[in-house]
Protein backbone atom coordinates (compact mmCIF):
# COMPACT_ATOMS: atom_id res chain seq x y z
CA MET A 1 247.09 3.30 -129.97
CA HIS A 2 250.39 2.64 -131.75
CA GLY A 3 248.49 1.59 -134.87
CA LEU A 4 246.42 4.77 -134.72
CA LEU A 5 249.51 6.98 -134.85
CA LYS A 6 250.90 5.12 -137.90
CA ASP A 7 247.63 5.55 -139.76
CA ARG A 8 247.26 9.10 -141.11
CA HIS A 9 243.51 8.76 -141.32
CA GLY A 10 243.30 7.93 -137.59
CA VAL A 11 245.39 10.98 -136.63
CA SER A 12 243.21 13.32 -138.66
CA GLU A 13 240.08 11.89 -137.05
CA LEU A 14 241.64 12.41 -133.63
CA MET A 15 242.43 16.04 -134.49
CA VAL A 16 238.89 16.66 -135.77
CA THR A 17 237.42 15.12 -132.60
CA ALA A 18 239.64 17.29 -130.38
CA PHE A 19 238.67 20.41 -132.36
CA MET A 20 234.96 19.58 -132.21
CA LEU A 21 235.14 18.99 -128.44
CA PHE A 22 236.80 22.39 -128.03
CA ILE A 23 234.06 24.06 -130.10
CA MET A 24 231.33 22.26 -128.14
CA PHE A 25 232.79 23.39 -124.80
CA LEU A 26 233.06 26.93 -126.12
CA VAL A 27 229.42 26.94 -127.26
CA ALA A 28 228.28 25.43 -123.94
CA GLY A 29 230.15 28.16 -122.05
CA MET A 30 228.57 30.85 -124.20
CA ILE A 31 225.11 29.41 -123.53
CA ILE A 32 225.78 29.42 -119.78
CA GLN A 33 226.92 33.07 -120.01
CA LEU A 34 223.79 33.99 -121.98
CA ILE A 35 221.56 32.31 -119.40
CA GLY A 36 223.37 34.22 -116.65
CA VAL A 37 222.85 37.54 -118.44
CA ALA A 38 219.16 36.82 -119.07
CA THR A 39 218.58 35.82 -115.44
CA ALA A 40 220.38 38.94 -114.22
CA GLN A 41 218.30 41.14 -116.53
CA LEU A 42 215.05 39.71 -115.18
CA ALA A 43 216.18 40.09 -111.57
CA VAL A 44 217.43 43.66 -112.07
CA ASN A 45 214.17 44.71 -113.75
CA ALA A 46 212.13 43.17 -110.94
CA ALA A 47 214.36 44.76 -108.28
CA ALA A 48 213.97 48.20 -109.88
CA PHE A 49 210.20 47.83 -110.11
CA SER A 50 209.88 46.58 -106.52
CA ALA A 51 212.11 49.37 -105.23
CA ALA A 52 210.19 52.09 -107.07
CA ARG A 53 206.83 50.66 -106.01
CA ALA A 54 207.87 50.50 -102.35
CA ALA A 55 209.39 54.00 -102.49
CA VAL A 56 206.17 55.70 -103.63
CA LYS A 57 204.33 54.33 -100.60
CA SER A 58 207.00 55.35 -98.09
CA GLU A 59 207.72 58.46 -96.05
CA ALA A 60 211.45 57.95 -96.74
CA PRO A 61 211.45 56.97 -100.43
CA TYR A 62 215.22 57.03 -101.02
CA GLU A 63 216.07 54.76 -98.08
CA THR A 64 213.16 52.47 -98.86
CA ALA A 65 214.11 52.14 -102.54
CA VAL A 66 217.73 51.28 -101.75
CA ALA A 67 216.75 48.82 -99.00
CA VAL A 68 214.16 47.02 -101.16
CA ALA A 69 216.48 46.86 -104.19
CA ASN A 70 219.32 45.47 -102.06
CA GLU A 71 217.07 42.91 -100.39
CA TYR A 72 215.68 41.73 -103.73
CA GLY A 73 219.02 41.64 -105.51
CA GLN A 74 220.86 39.79 -102.73
CA ARG A 75 218.33 36.97 -102.91
CA PHE A 76 218.82 36.27 -106.60
CA LEU A 77 222.21 37.52 -107.78
CA ALA A 78 225.72 36.64 -106.62
CA GLY A 79 227.90 39.50 -105.41
CA TRP A 80 225.06 42.02 -105.46
CA ASP A 81 226.72 44.42 -103.01
CA GLU A 82 229.95 44.69 -105.02
CA ARG A 83 228.48 44.53 -108.53
CA SER A 84 225.38 46.72 -108.34
CA GLU A 85 224.73 50.44 -108.45
CA ILE A 86 221.37 51.92 -107.45
CA ILE A 87 220.39 55.42 -108.56
CA PHE A 88 217.27 57.05 -107.13
CA SER A 89 216.05 60.23 -108.78
CA ALA A 90 213.12 62.49 -108.01
CA PRO A 91 213.57 65.62 -110.15
CA ASP A 92 210.31 67.21 -108.95
CA GLY A 93 210.77 66.27 -105.29
CA ILE A 94 208.85 63.65 -103.37
CA SER A 95 205.47 65.35 -103.11
CA PRO A 96 202.35 63.43 -104.19
CA GLY A 97 201.99 63.32 -107.96
CA SER A 98 205.70 63.70 -108.70
CA LYS A 99 207.59 61.06 -110.60
CA ILE A 100 210.41 59.03 -109.06
CA THR A 101 212.80 56.75 -110.94
CA VAL A 102 214.95 53.88 -109.71
CA GLU A 103 217.78 52.78 -112.00
CA ILE A 104 219.86 49.71 -111.18
CA THR A 105 223.01 48.60 -113.00
CA TYR A 106 224.52 45.17 -112.28
CA THR A 107 227.74 43.71 -113.64
CA VAL A 108 227.18 40.05 -114.49
CA PRO A 109 229.97 37.65 -113.43
CA GLN A 110 231.96 36.67 -116.49
CA PHE A 111 232.85 33.14 -117.58
CA PHE A 112 235.19 34.15 -120.39
CA THR A 113 238.10 36.50 -119.82
CA VAL A 114 238.20 37.38 -123.51
CA PHE A 115 235.14 39.61 -123.36
CA PRO A 116 234.47 42.39 -120.82
CA PRO A 117 231.89 41.50 -118.16
CA PRO A 118 228.40 42.35 -119.40
CA GLN A 119 226.23 44.85 -117.55
CA VAL A 120 222.47 44.76 -117.28
CA ARG A 121 220.30 47.74 -116.46
CA GLY A 122 216.80 48.02 -115.07
CA VAL A 123 214.78 51.23 -114.77
CA SER A 124 211.38 51.76 -113.23
CA SER A 125 209.38 54.95 -112.71
CA GLN A 126 206.39 55.45 -110.46
CA VAL A 127 204.26 58.40 -109.37
CA MET A 128 204.40 59.36 -105.69
CA GLU A 129 201.18 58.60 -103.83
CA GLU A 130 199.51 60.39 -100.97
CA LEU A 131 200.19 58.68 -97.70
CA PRO A 132 197.22 57.93 -95.44
């Protein structure tokens, strides 16, 4: 090691190696964050669809939509209760033939403190069905 410090070429190679390792760790962290965001987006879209689909077949669509979305989200995403927001809207009421919409927003856990935590959003609309 003592010979490495006397040789200027060895010191510059050491600095380049340290810099490249830093860049590689940074890129790996960004890839992990991107995978987390993509997974969250898929789960939020599926939760919104499942919640809307269950709501149109229920006598209590709001409660059903929230319950189904929470059940789905808690299975796949960490901190679902604290990081998610579920909005149920039925502008024309809940009579058969009216449209209902479930919108879910989830804040993805962040790995880097430099950037704000990303949010993903899933929206699904369904038409209320007649109950048997």
